[in-house]
Amino acid sequence: MADAAEMTDGKGIRRMNGIEKFRAASATRLALILAAAAMLGGCAAAVIGGAVGGGVLLAEDRRTVGTVTEDQGIELKTSSRIGETVRGAHINVYSFNRQVLLSGEVPTAAAREDAERIARAVENVRGVFNELQVAGNSALTTRTNDAFITSKVKARFVDGQKFSPVHVKVTTESGVVFLMGLVKRGEADAATEVARTTGGVVKVVRLFEYLD
């Protein structure tokens, strides 16, 4: 296949194949974002995850376009509905392949149950991973550090070149890294090892769906 072979043009000059172009573009994009983060300070780290993931997502997501759209809708609807009911909480909502992850802090066990109930009732949701903690809301410094950890894990995914970073969704909450995605078991193990050995990571939680 063209993507797996080294190619040259008619003049014998080597051309990058599809995979190499993807990696080069990803590395360049990441370098620019990290440079901006260094200049702007801690707050810039919060945007790194979305900036890296958005461009890569278009390249080779294993989800269908319809499922990607559903995941975006699920996140918006779930966040809105939980926000209308659960007060005084810090709740993050992530959806991958219609599986929802709830992370953050809630004031009571009842609020934790309410958030899960609301998420399960949202259209197209297949399942819910409730990782909410009954605790006071995390500080801004903690959230900024979590965003930075996520950016470091994603950067190491790109640098390692053992799998496509778009296949693994990464989020961090109080130093705990959550990994979601449609992956092969070898990819899951590689992603876990990268996350586990990244500075600042307290624990890694695997929430993968396996293709093999």
N, C-alpha and C. Protein backbone atom coordinates (compact mmCIF):
# COMPACT_ATOMS: atom_id res chain seq x y z
N MET A 1 0.85 -1.19 0.00
CA MET A 1 0.00 0.00 0.00
C MET A 1 0.89 1.24 0.00
N ALA A 2 0.39 2.33 -0.56
CA ALA A 2 1.19 3.54 -0.71
C ALA A 2 1.64 4.09 0.63
N ASP A 3 0.77 4.06 1.66
CA ASP A 3 1.10 4.64 2.96
C ASP A 3 2.19 3.87 3.68
N ALA A 4 2.39 2.60 3.32
CA ALA A 4 3.35 1.78 4.05
C ALA A 4 4.70 1.72 3.35
N ALA A 5 4.83 2.27 2.15
CA ALA A 5 6.05 2.14 1.38
C ALA A 5 6.75 3.48 1.22
N GLU A 6 8.06 3.41 1.06
CA GLU A 6 8.81 4.62 0.77
C GLU A 6 8.61 4.96 -0.69
N MET A 7 8.41 6.25 -1.00
CA MET A 7 8.10 6.65 -2.36
C MET A 7 9.09 7.69 -2.83
N THR A 8 9.36 7.71 -4.14
CA THR A 8 10.18 8.74 -4.76
C THR A 8 9.45 9.29 -5.95
N ASP A 9 9.81 10.55 -6.33
CA ASP A 9 9.18 11.10 -7.52
C ASP A 9 10.02 10.73 -8.74
N GLY A 10 9.68 11.26 -9.88
CA GLY A 10 10.36 10.88 -11.11
C GLY A 10 11.81 11.27 -11.13
N LYS A 11 12.22 12.19 -10.29
CA LYS A 11 13.62 12.63 -10.25
C LYS A 11 14.41 11.93 -9.17
N GLY A 12 13.80 10.94 -8.56
CA GLY A 12 14.51 10.20 -7.52
C GLY A 12 14.52 10.86 -6.17
N ILE A 13 13.75 11.94 -6.03
CA ILE A 13 13.68 12.65 -4.76
C ILE A 13 12.63 11.99 -3.88
N ARG A 14 12.99 11.66 -2.66
CA ARG A 14 12.09 10.94 -1.76
C ARG A 14 10.93 11.83 -1.35
N ARG A 15 9.69 11.31 -1.41
CA ARG A 15 8.51 12.02 -0.96
C ARG A 15 7.97 11.35 0.28
N MET A 16 7.40 12.13 1.21
CA MET A 16 6.81 11.57 2.42
C MET A 16 5.53 10.83 2.06
N ASN A 17 5.33 9.64 2.69
CA ASN A 17 4.07 8.94 2.49
C ASN A 17 3.00 9.52 3.42
N GLY A 18 1.79 8.97 3.35
CA GLY A 18 0.67 9.53 4.11
C GLY A 18 0.90 9.56 5.61
N ILE A 19 1.45 8.47 6.16
CA ILE A 19 1.66 8.40 7.60
C ILE A 19 2.69 9.43 8.03
N GLU A 20 3.78 9.55 7.23
CA GLU A 20 4.81 10.52 7.59
C GLU A 20 4.27 11.94 7.55
N LYS A 21 3.45 12.26 6.55
CA LYS A 21 2.86 13.59 6.47
C LYS A 21 1.99 13.86 7.70
N PHE A 22 1.22 12.85 8.10
CA PHE A 22 0.36 12.99 9.28
C PHE A 22 1.18 13.28 10.53
N ARG A 23 2.27 12.51 10.70
CA ARG A 23 3.10 12.69 11.88
C ARG A 23 3.80 14.05 11.86
N ALA A 24 4.30 14.43 10.67
CA ALA A 24 5.01 15.71 10.57
C ALA A 24 4.07 16.87 10.87
N ALA A 25 2.86 16.80 10.32
CA ALA A 25 1.89 17.88 10.56
C ALA A 25 1.50 17.94 12.02
N SER A 26 1.31 16.77 12.63
CA SER A 26 0.93 16.73 14.04
C SER A 26 2.04 17.29 14.92
N ALA A 27 3.27 16.91 14.62
CA ALA A 27 4.39 17.38 15.43
C ALA A 27 4.57 18.88 15.30
N THR A 28 4.41 19.39 14.07
CA THR A 28 4.54 20.84 13.86
C THR A 28 3.46 21.59 14.60
N ARG A 29 2.21 21.10 14.50
CA ARG A 29 1.10 21.76 15.18
C ARG A 29 1.32 21.76 16.69
N LEU A 30 1.77 20.62 17.21
CA LEU A 30 1.99 20.51 18.65
C LEU A 30 3.09 21.46 19.11
N ALA A 31 4.18 21.56 18.31
CA ALA A 31 5.28 22.43 18.69
C ALA A 31 4.83 23.89 18.76
N LEU A 32 4.00 24.29 17.81
CA LEU A 32 3.51 25.67 17.81
C LEU A 32 2.63 25.93 19.03
N ILE A 33 1.79 24.97 19.37
CA ILE A 33 0.88 25.14 20.50
C ILE A 33 1.66 25.20 21.81
N LEU A 34 2.64 24.30 21.97
CA LEU A 34 3.43 24.29 23.19
C LEU A 34 4.25 25.57 23.32
N ALA A 35 4.73 26.10 22.19
CA ALA A 35 5.47 27.35 22.23
C ALA A 35 4.56 28.49 22.69
N ALA A 36 3.32 28.49 22.18
CA ALA A 36 2.38 29.52 22.59
C ALA A 36 2.05 29.39 24.07
N ALA A 37 1.93 28.15 24.54
CA ALA A 37 1.62 27.92 25.95
C ALA A 37 2.74 28.44 26.84
N ALA A 38 3.97 28.22 26.39
CA ALA A 38 5.11 28.68 27.18
C ALA A 38 5.13 30.20 27.30
N MET A 39 4.73 30.88 26.22
CA MET A 39 4.74 32.34 26.23
C MET A 39 3.56 32.93 27.01
N LEU A 40 2.41 32.26 26.93
CA LEU A 40 1.20 32.81 27.54
C LEU A 40 1.00 32.39 28.98
N GLY A 41 1.68 31.33 29.41
CA GLY A 41 1.58 30.91 30.80
C GLY A 41 0.60 29.77 30.98
N GLY A 42 0.26 29.48 32.26
CA GLY A 42 -0.52 28.30 32.60
C GLY A 42 -1.87 28.23 31.94
N CYS A 43 -2.57 29.38 31.78
CA CYS A 43 -3.92 29.34 31.24
C CYS A 43 -3.95 28.79 29.82
N ALA A 44 -2.86 28.97 29.09
CA ALA A 44 -2.84 28.49 27.70
C ALA A 44 -2.89 26.97 27.64
N ALA A 45 -2.45 26.30 28.70
CA ALA A 45 -2.43 24.84 28.68
C ALA A 45 -3.82 24.27 28.53
N ALA A 46 -4.83 24.98 28.98
CA ALA A 46 -6.19 24.47 28.93
C ALA A 46 -6.70 24.30 27.52
N VAL A 47 -6.10 24.99 26.53
CA VAL A 47 -6.60 24.88 25.17
C VAL A 47 -5.82 23.88 24.35
N ILE A 48 -4.74 23.32 24.88
CA ILE A 48 -3.88 22.48 24.08
C ILE A 48 -4.59 21.22 23.62
N GLY A 49 -5.31 20.57 24.53
CA GLY A 49 -5.97 19.33 24.17
C GLY A 49 -6.87 19.47 22.98
N GLY A 50 -7.74 20.49 22.98
CA GLY A 50 -8.67 20.66 21.88
C GLY A 50 -7.97 21.04 20.60
N ALA A 51 -6.93 21.85 20.68
CA ALA A 51 -6.26 22.30 19.48
C ALA A 51 -5.55 21.16 18.77
N VAL A 52 -4.91 20.28 19.55
CA VAL A 52 -4.23 19.15 18.95
C VAL A 52 -5.24 18.15 18.42
N GLY A 53 -6.25 17.82 19.24
CA GLY A 53 -7.19 16.78 18.87
C GLY A 53 -8.03 17.13 17.66
N GLY A 54 -8.41 18.41 17.49
CA GLY A 54 -9.31 18.79 16.42
C GLY A 54 -8.77 18.49 15.05
N GLY A 55 -7.49 18.88 14.78
CA GLY A 55 -6.92 18.66 13.47
C GLY A 55 -6.68 17.18 13.20
N VAL A 56 -6.17 16.48 14.21
CA VAL A 56 -5.88 15.06 14.04
C VAL A 56 -7.15 14.27 13.82
N LEU A 57 -8.23 14.68 14.50
CA LEU A 57 -9.50 13.97 14.41
C LEU A 57 -9.95 13.84 12.98
N LEU A 58 -9.73 14.87 12.18
CA LEU A 58 -10.17 14.86 10.80
C LEU A 58 -9.37 13.88 9.95
N ALA A 59 -8.19 13.49 10.42
CA ALA A 59 -7.32 12.65 9.63
C ALA A 59 -7.77 11.19 9.58
N GLU A 60 -8.03 10.58 10.73
CA GLU A 60 -8.31 9.14 10.71
C GLU A 60 -9.02 8.66 11.97
N ASP A 61 -10.17 9.21 12.26
CA ASP A 61 -10.95 8.76 13.41
C ASP A 61 -11.61 7.43 13.06
N ARG A 62 -11.59 6.48 14.00
CA ARG A 62 -12.22 5.18 13.77
C ARG A 62 -13.74 5.24 13.93
N ARG A 63 -14.22 6.31 14.52
CA ARG A 63 -15.66 6.50 14.60
C ARG A 63 -16.18 7.02 13.26
N THR A 64 -17.46 6.75 12.98
CA THR A 64 -18.07 7.33 11.79
C THR A 64 -18.31 8.82 12.01
N VAL A 65 -18.51 9.54 10.93
CA VAL A 65 -18.80 10.96 11.05
C VAL A 65 -20.06 11.17 11.88
N GLY A 66 -21.04 10.28 11.68
CA GLY A 66 -22.28 10.38 12.45
C GLY A 66 -22.05 10.21 13.93
N THR A 67 -21.18 9.27 14.31
CA THR A 67 -20.90 9.03 15.72
C THR A 67 -20.12 10.20 16.34
N VAL A 68 -19.19 10.76 15.59
CA VAL A 68 -18.45 11.92 16.08
C VAL A 68 -19.43 13.06 16.37
N THR A 69 -20.36 13.26 15.46
CA THR A 69 -21.37 14.31 15.64
C THR A 69 -22.24 14.01 16.85
N GLU A 70 -22.63 12.75 17.01
CA GLU A 70 -23.43 12.36 18.18
C GLU A 70 -22.67 12.60 19.47
N ASP A 71 -21.38 12.28 19.49
CA ASP A 71 -20.58 12.50 20.70
C ASP A 71 -20.55 13.97 21.08
N GLN A 72 -20.42 14.83 20.10
CA GLN A 72 -20.41 16.27 20.38
C GLN A 72 -21.76 16.72 20.96
N GLY A 73 -22.85 16.20 20.37
CA GLY A 73 -24.17 16.53 20.86
C GLY A 73 -24.41 16.00 22.26
N ILE A 74 -23.93 14.79 22.52
CA ILE A 74 -24.09 14.18 23.85
C ILE A 74 -23.39 15.02 24.91
N GLU A 75 -22.18 15.48 24.61
CA GLU A 75 -21.45 16.30 25.58
C GLU A 75 -22.20 17.59 25.90
N LEU A 76 -22.70 18.25 24.86
CA LEU A 76 -23.42 19.51 25.06
C LEU A 76 -24.71 19.30 25.85
N LYS A 77 -25.50 18.31 25.44
CA LYS A 77 -26.78 18.06 26.11
C LYS A 77 -26.58 17.62 27.55
N THR A 78 -25.64 16.71 27.77
CA THR A 78 -25.40 16.21 29.11
C THR A 78 -24.93 17.31 30.05
N SER A 79 -23.98 18.12 29.58
CA SER A 79 -23.48 19.22 30.40
C SER A 79 -24.59 20.20 30.75
N SER A 80 -25.42 20.53 29.77
CA SER A 80 -26.50 21.48 29.99
C SER A 80 -27.53 20.95 30.98
N ARG A 81 -27.93 19.70 30.80
CA ARG A 81 -28.97 19.13 31.66
C ARG A 81 -28.48 18.91 33.09
N ILE A 82 -27.23 18.47 33.22
CA ILE A 82 -26.69 18.30 34.57
C ILE A 82 -26.57 19.66 35.26
N GLY A 83 -26.13 20.66 34.51
CA GLY A 83 -25.97 21.99 35.07
C GLY A 83 -27.27 22.59 35.57
N GLU A 84 -28.38 22.21 34.95
CA GLU A 84 -29.68 22.72 35.37
C GLU A 84 -30.16 22.09 36.67
N THR A 85 -29.62 20.93 37.01
CA THR A 85 -30.10 20.17 38.17
C THR A 85 -29.10 20.11 39.31
N VAL A 86 -27.85 19.86 38.99
CA VAL A 86 -26.82 19.67 40.02
C VAL A 86 -26.09 21.00 40.24
N ARG A 87 -26.26 21.57 41.41
CA ARG A 87 -25.67 22.87 41.72
C ARG A 87 -24.42 22.73 42.58
N GLY A 88 -23.56 23.74 42.50
CA GLY A 88 -22.38 23.77 43.35
C GLY A 88 -21.38 22.68 43.06
N ALA A 89 -21.36 22.21 41.81
CA ALA A 89 -20.46 21.11 41.45
C ALA A 89 -19.51 21.53 40.33
N HIS A 90 -18.46 20.77 40.17
CA HIS A 90 -17.53 20.92 39.05
C HIS A 90 -17.54 19.60 38.30
N ILE A 91 -18.24 19.56 37.16
CA ILE A 91 -18.45 18.31 36.43
C ILE A 91 -17.99 18.47 34.98
N ASN A 92 -17.12 17.57 34.56
CA ASN A 92 -16.69 17.51 33.16
C ASN A 92 -17.38 16.33 32.48
N VAL A 93 -17.80 16.53 31.24
CA VAL A 93 -18.50 15.50 30.48
C VAL A 93 -17.73 15.22 29.19
N TYR A 94 -17.40 13.96 28.98
CA TYR A 94 -16.71 13.55 27.75
C TYR A 94 -17.47 12.37 27.15
N SER A 95 -17.57 12.35 25.84
CA SER A 95 -18.24 11.24 25.17
C SER A 95 -17.36 10.72 24.04
N PHE A 96 -17.17 9.41 24.01
CA PHE A 96 -16.44 8.78 22.92
C PHE A 96 -17.18 7.52 22.51
N ASN A 97 -17.58 7.48 21.23
CA ASN A 97 -18.36 6.35 20.71
C ASN A 97 -19.62 6.14 21.55
N ARG A 98 -20.21 7.26 21.99
CA ARG A 98 -21.46 7.31 22.74
C ARG A 98 -21.35 6.71 24.15
N GLN A 99 -20.10 6.57 24.62
CA GLN A 99 -19.86 6.20 26.02
C GLN A 99 -19.45 7.47 26.76
N VAL A 100 -20.14 7.78 27.86
CA VAL A 100 -19.92 9.05 28.56
C VAL A 100 -19.06 8.86 29.80
N LEU A 101 -18.09 9.76 29.95
CA LEU A 101 -17.28 9.82 31.17
C LEU A 101 -17.64 11.08 31.93
N LEU A 102 -18.00 10.92 33.20
CA LEU A 102 -18.24 12.04 34.09
C LEU A 102 -17.09 12.12 35.08
N SER A 103 -16.42 13.27 35.14
CA SER A 103 -15.34 13.44 36.11
C SER A 103 -15.47 14.79 36.80
N GLY A 104 -14.82 14.92 37.94
CA GLY A 104 -14.91 16.17 38.69
C GLY A 104 -15.37 15.94 40.11
N GLU A 105 -15.99 16.96 40.67
CA GLU A 105 -16.40 16.90 42.07
C GLU A 105 -17.86 17.34 42.24
N VAL A 106 -18.55 16.67 43.16
CA VAL A 106 -19.94 17.01 43.49
C VAL A 106 -20.05 17.11 45.02
N PRO A 107 -21.01 17.90 45.51
CA PRO A 107 -21.09 18.12 46.97
C PRO A 107 -21.63 16.93 47.77
N THR A 108 -22.46 16.08 47.14
CA THR A 108 -23.08 14.98 47.88
C THR A 108 -23.16 13.72 47.02
N ALA A 109 -23.38 12.59 47.69
CA ALA A 109 -23.57 11.33 46.98
C ALA A 109 -24.83 11.38 46.13
N ALA A 110 -25.85 12.08 46.61
CA ALA A 110 -27.09 12.20 45.85
C ALA A 110 -26.85 12.97 44.55
N ALA A 111 -26.03 13.99 44.61
CA ALA A 111 -25.71 14.76 43.41
C ALA A 111 -24.95 13.89 42.41
N ARG A 112 -24.11 13.03 42.91
CA ARG A 112 -23.37 12.10 42.04
C ARG A 112 -24.34 11.17 41.32
N GLU A 113 -25.30 10.65 42.04
CA GLU A 113 -26.30 9.76 41.44
C GLU A 113 -27.18 10.51 40.44
N ASP A 114 -27.54 11.75 40.78
CA ASP A 114 -28.36 12.55 39.87
C ASP A 114 -27.64 12.80 38.55
N ALA A 115 -26.37 13.12 38.63
CA ALA A 115 -25.60 13.39 37.42
C ALA A 115 -25.55 12.16 36.52
N GLU A 116 -25.34 10.99 37.11
CA GLU A 116 -25.30 9.77 36.31
C GLU A 116 -26.66 9.47 35.69
N ARG A 117 -27.72 9.64 36.48
CA ARG A 117 -29.07 9.38 35.97
C ARG A 117 -29.38 10.28 34.77
N ILE A 118 -29.02 11.54 34.89
CA ILE A 118 -29.28 12.48 33.79
C ILE A 118 -28.49 12.09 32.55
N ALA A 119 -27.22 11.71 32.74
CA ALA A 119 -26.38 11.34 31.60
C ALA A 119 -26.94 10.10 30.90
N ARG A 120 -27.39 9.12 31.66
CA ARG A 120 -27.90 7.89 31.05
C ARG A 120 -29.18 8.15 30.25
N ALA A 121 -29.91 9.20 30.59
CA ALA A 121 -31.17 9.49 29.93
C ALA A 121 -31.00 10.31 28.64
N VAL A 122 -29.79 10.79 28.38
CA VAL A 122 -29.55 11.59 27.18
C VAL A 122 -29.60 10.69 25.94
N GLU A 123 -30.21 11.22 24.88
CA GLU A 123 -30.37 10.46 23.65
C GLU A 123 -29.02 9.95 23.12
N ASN A 124 -29.01 8.70 22.66
CA ASN A 124 -27.86 8.05 22.01
C ASN A 124 -26.76 7.58 22.96
N VAL A 125 -26.88 7.84 24.26
CA VAL A 125 -25.86 7.40 25.20
C VAL A 125 -25.95 5.88 25.41
N ARG A 126 -24.82 5.19 25.24
CA ARG A 126 -24.77 3.74 25.39
C ARG A 126 -24.38 3.30 26.80
N GLY A 127 -23.61 4.13 27.48
CA GLY A 127 -23.15 3.78 28.82
C GLY A 127 -22.51 4.97 29.49
N VAL A 128 -22.34 4.89 30.81
CA VAL A 128 -21.78 6.00 31.58
C VAL A 128 -20.72 5.48 32.54
N PHE A 129 -19.55 6.11 32.51
CA PHE A 129 -18.50 5.86 33.49
C PHE A 129 -18.57 7.02 34.49
N ASN A 130 -19.04 6.73 35.69
CA ASN A 130 -19.21 7.78 36.69
C ASN A 130 -17.98 7.84 37.59
N GLU A 131 -17.09 8.78 37.30
CA GLU A 131 -15.86 8.93 38.08
C GLU A 131 -15.90 10.20 38.94
N LEU A 132 -17.12 10.69 39.21
CA LEU A 132 -17.28 11.87 40.05
C LEU A 132 -16.89 11.56 41.49
N GLN A 133 -16.23 12.52 42.13
CA GLN A 133 -15.83 12.38 43.52
C GLN A 133 -16.68 13.30 44.40
N VAL A 134 -17.10 12.79 45.55
CA VAL A 134 -17.83 13.62 46.51
C VAL A 134 -16.77 14.40 47.29
N ALA A 135 -16.59 15.65 46.89
CA ALA A 135 -15.53 16.47 47.48
C ALA A 135 -15.74 17.92 47.10
N GLY A 136 -14.98 18.82 47.72
CA GLY A 136 -15.03 20.22 47.33
C GLY A 136 -14.47 20.41 45.93
N ASN A 137 -14.92 21.44 45.25
CA ASN A 137 -14.47 21.69 43.89
C ASN A 137 -12.96 21.94 43.84
N SER A 138 -12.32 21.39 42.84
CA SER A 138 -10.87 21.55 42.69
C SER A 138 -10.51 23.00 42.40
N ALA A 139 -9.30 23.37 42.78
CA ALA A 139 -8.82 24.74 42.57
C ALA A 139 -8.43 24.96 41.12
N LEU A 140 -8.38 26.22 40.72
CA LEU A 140 -8.00 26.56 39.35
C LEU A 140 -6.59 26.07 39.04
N THR A 141 -5.71 26.13 40.02
CA THR A 141 -4.34 25.65 39.79
C THR A 141 -4.32 24.15 39.49
N THR A 142 -5.19 23.40 40.17
CA THR A 142 -5.28 21.95 39.92
C THR A 142 -5.78 21.68 38.52
N ARG A 143 -6.79 22.43 38.09
CA ARG A 143 -7.35 22.23 36.75
C ARG A 143 -6.35 22.61 35.67
N THR A 144 -5.59 23.68 35.91
CA THR A 144 -4.57 24.08 34.95
C THR A 144 -3.49 23.02 34.85
N ASN A 145 -3.09 22.46 35.99
CA ASN A 145 -2.09 21.39 36.00
C ASN A 145 -2.61 20.16 35.28
N ASP A 146 -3.89 19.84 35.47
CA ASP A 146 -4.49 18.70 34.78
C ASP A 146 -4.44 18.89 33.27
N ALA A 147 -4.74 20.09 32.81
CA ALA A 147 -4.69 20.38 31.38
C ALA A 147 -3.28 20.23 30.84
N PHE A 148 -2.30 20.64 31.65
CA PHE A 148 -0.91 20.51 31.24
C PHE A 148 -0.49 19.05 31.17
N ILE A 149 -0.94 18.24 32.13
CA ILE A 149 -0.64 16.80 32.10
C ILE A 149 -1.22 16.18 30.84
N THR A 150 -2.47 16.52 30.53
CA THR A 150 -3.10 15.99 29.32
C THR A 150 -2.29 16.36 28.09
N SER A 151 -1.83 17.60 28.02
CA SER A 151 -1.04 18.03 26.86
C SER A 151 0.28 17.26 26.77
N LYS A 152 0.90 16.98 27.92
CA LYS A 152 2.16 16.22 27.91
C LYS A 152 1.94 14.80 27.44
N VAL A 153 0.85 14.17 27.88
CA VAL A 153 0.55 12.80 27.45
C VAL A 153 0.33 12.78 25.95
N LYS A 154 -0.45 13.72 25.43
CA LYS A 154 -0.72 13.75 23.99
C LYS A 154 0.57 14.00 23.20
N ALA A 155 1.42 14.88 23.71
CA ALA A 155 2.69 15.16 23.03
C ALA A 155 3.55 13.90 22.97
N ARG A 156 3.56 13.12 24.04
CA ARG A 156 4.35 11.89 24.06
C ARG A 156 3.74 10.82 23.17
N PHE A 157 2.41 10.84 22.99
CA PHE A 157 1.78 9.94 22.02
C PHE A 157 2.34 10.22 20.63
N VAL A 158 2.38 11.49 20.26
CA VAL A 158 2.88 11.88 18.94
C VAL A 158 4.36 11.50 18.80
N ASP A 159 5.13 11.80 19.83
CA ASP A 159 6.56 11.54 19.78
C ASP A 159 6.87 10.05 19.71
N GLY A 160 6.07 9.22 20.41
CA GLY A 160 6.33 7.79 20.45
C GLY A 160 6.06 7.08 19.14
N GLN A 161 5.11 7.58 18.34
CA GLN A 161 4.79 7.03 17.02
C GLN A 161 4.45 5.53 17.05
N LYS A 162 3.84 5.07 18.15
CA LYS A 162 3.48 3.66 18.24
C LYS A 162 2.03 3.40 17.84
N PHE A 163 1.24 4.46 17.77
CA PHE A 163 -0.15 4.36 17.36
C PHE A 163 -0.61 5.76 17.00
N SER A 164 -1.77 5.85 16.36
CA SER A 164 -2.29 7.16 15.99
C SER A 164 -2.91 7.83 17.22
N PRO A 165 -2.45 9.02 17.59
CA PRO A 165 -2.99 9.69 18.78
C PRO A 165 -4.49 9.94 18.71
N VAL A 166 -5.05 10.02 17.50
CA VAL A 166 -6.47 10.30 17.37
C VAL A 166 -7.32 9.15 17.89
N HIS A 167 -6.73 7.98 18.03
CA HIS A 167 -7.49 6.82 18.48
C HIS A 167 -7.68 6.78 19.99
N VAL A 168 -6.99 7.66 20.72
CA VAL A 168 -7.08 7.65 22.18
C VAL A 168 -7.47 9.04 22.67
N LYS A 169 -8.58 9.12 23.39
CA LYS A 169 -9.02 10.37 24.01
C LYS A 169 -8.45 10.44 25.41
N VAL A 170 -7.81 11.55 25.74
CA VAL A 170 -7.14 11.72 27.03
C VAL A 170 -7.77 12.85 27.81
N THR A 171 -8.04 12.61 29.08
CA THR A 171 -8.45 13.69 29.97
C THR A 171 -7.87 13.41 31.35
N THR A 172 -7.65 14.46 32.10
CA THR A 172 -7.01 14.33 33.42
C THR A 172 -7.84 15.05 34.48
N GLU A 173 -7.98 14.41 35.63
CA GLU A 173 -8.73 15.00 36.74
C GLU A 173 -7.95 14.74 38.02
N SER A 174 -7.44 15.82 38.63
CA SER A 174 -6.65 15.72 39.88
C SER A 174 -5.50 14.73 39.74
N GLY A 175 -4.84 14.77 38.59
CA GLY A 175 -3.69 13.91 38.36
C GLY A 175 -4.02 12.51 37.87
N VAL A 176 -5.30 12.15 37.83
CA VAL A 176 -5.72 10.85 37.33
C VAL A 176 -6.02 10.98 35.83
N VAL A 177 -5.35 10.19 35.02
CA VAL A 177 -5.52 10.24 33.57
C VAL A 177 -6.52 9.17 33.13
N PHE A 178 -7.53 9.60 32.39
CA PHE A 178 -8.53 8.69 31.84
C PHE A 178 -8.28 8.54 30.34
N LEU A 179 -8.25 7.29 29.88
CA LEU A 179 -8.01 6.99 28.48
C LEU A 179 -9.23 6.30 27.88
N MET A 180 -9.77 6.87 26.80
CA MET A 180 -10.91 6.30 26.10
C MET A 180 -10.52 6.10 24.64
N GLY A 181 -11.25 5.23 23.94
CA GLY A 181 -10.99 5.09 22.51
C GLY A 181 -11.36 3.72 21.97
N LEU A 182 -11.37 3.62 20.64
CA LEU A 182 -11.55 2.36 19.94
C LEU A 182 -10.16 1.90 19.53
N VAL A 183 -9.61 0.91 20.22
CA VAL A 183 -8.20 0.56 20.04
C VAL A 183 -7.99 -0.95 20.02
N LYS A 184 -6.83 -1.33 19.49
CA LYS A 184 -6.37 -2.70 19.64
C LYS A 184 -5.66 -2.80 20.99
N ARG A 185 -5.57 -4.01 21.51
CA ARG A 185 -5.01 -4.16 22.86
C ARG A 185 -3.55 -3.70 22.94
N GLY A 186 -2.81 -3.91 21.88
CA GLY A 186 -1.43 -3.43 21.86
C GLY A 186 -1.36 -1.92 21.93
N GLU A 187 -2.28 -1.25 21.25
CA GLU A 187 -2.34 0.20 21.30
C GLU A 187 -2.73 0.68 22.70
N ALA A 188 -3.67 -0.02 23.31
CA ALA A 188 -4.09 0.33 24.66
C ALA A 188 -2.93 0.22 25.64
N ASP A 189 -2.17 -0.85 25.52
CA ASP A 189 -1.02 -1.05 26.42
C ASP A 189 0.03 0.03 26.21
N ALA A 190 0.28 0.38 24.95
CA ALA A 190 1.28 1.41 24.64
C ALA A 190 0.84 2.76 25.20
N ALA A 191 -0.45 3.09 25.01
CA ALA A 191 -0.97 4.36 25.51
C ALA A 191 -0.91 4.42 27.03
N THR A 192 -1.24 3.31 27.66
CA THR A 192 -1.21 3.24 29.12
C THR A 192 0.20 3.45 29.66
N GLU A 193 1.17 2.83 29.00
CA GLU A 193 2.55 2.96 29.45
C GLU A 193 3.05 4.40 29.31
N VAL A 194 2.68 5.06 28.22
CA VAL A 194 3.07 6.45 28.03
C VAL A 194 2.46 7.32 29.13
N ALA A 195 1.16 7.14 29.36
CA ALA A 195 0.48 7.95 30.38
C ALA A 195 1.04 7.68 31.77
N ARG A 196 1.27 6.41 32.06
CA ARG A 196 1.75 6.02 33.39
C ARG A 196 3.11 6.63 33.71
N THR A 197 3.95 6.81 32.71
CA THR A 197 5.31 7.29 32.92
C THR A 197 5.45 8.79 32.65
N THR A 198 4.34 9.49 32.53
CA THR A 198 4.37 10.94 32.33
C THR A 198 4.39 11.64 33.68
N GLY A 199 5.24 12.65 33.81
CA GLY A 199 5.38 13.36 35.07
C GLY A 199 4.07 13.97 35.55
N GLY A 200 3.77 13.81 36.83
CA GLY A 200 2.58 14.39 37.42
C GLY A 200 1.38 13.47 37.44
N VAL A 201 1.45 12.33 36.74
CA VAL A 201 0.31 11.41 36.68
C VAL A 201 0.25 10.56 37.96
N VAL A 202 -0.90 10.58 38.61
CA VAL A 202 -1.11 9.82 39.84
C VAL A 202 -1.56 8.40 39.54
N LYS A 203 -2.45 8.27 38.57
CA LYS A 203 -3.02 6.97 38.23
C LYS A 203 -3.57 7.03 36.81
N VAL A 204 -3.66 5.88 36.16
CA VAL A 204 -4.24 5.80 34.82
C VAL A 204 -5.45 4.88 34.86
N VAL A 205 -6.57 5.37 34.32
CA VAL A 205 -7.80 4.57 34.27
C VAL A 205 -8.13 4.30 32.80
N ARG A 206 -8.21 3.02 32.44
CA ARG A 206 -8.49 2.62 31.07
C ARG A 206 -9.99 2.41 30.88
N LEU A 207 -10.55 3.12 29.90
CA LEU A 207 -11.96 2.99 29.58
C LEU A 207 -12.14 2.67 28.10
N PHE A 208 -11.27 1.83 27.58
CA PHE A 208 -11.23 1.53 26.16
C PHE A 208 -12.32 0.57 25.72
N GLU A 209 -12.62 0.63 24.41
CA GLU A 209 -13.36 -0.43 23.72
C GLU A 209 -12.36 -1.08 22.77
N TYR A 210 -12.31 -2.41 22.77
CA TYR A 210 -11.27 -3.10 22.03
C TYR A 210 -11.76 -3.63 20.68
N LEU A 211 -10.87 -3.55 19.70
CA LEU A 211 -11.18 -4.00 18.35
C LEU A 211 -10.69 -5.43 18.10
N ASP A 212 -9.92 -5.98 19.05
CA ASP A 212 -9.43 -7.36 18.89
C ASP A 212 -9.63 -8.15 20.16
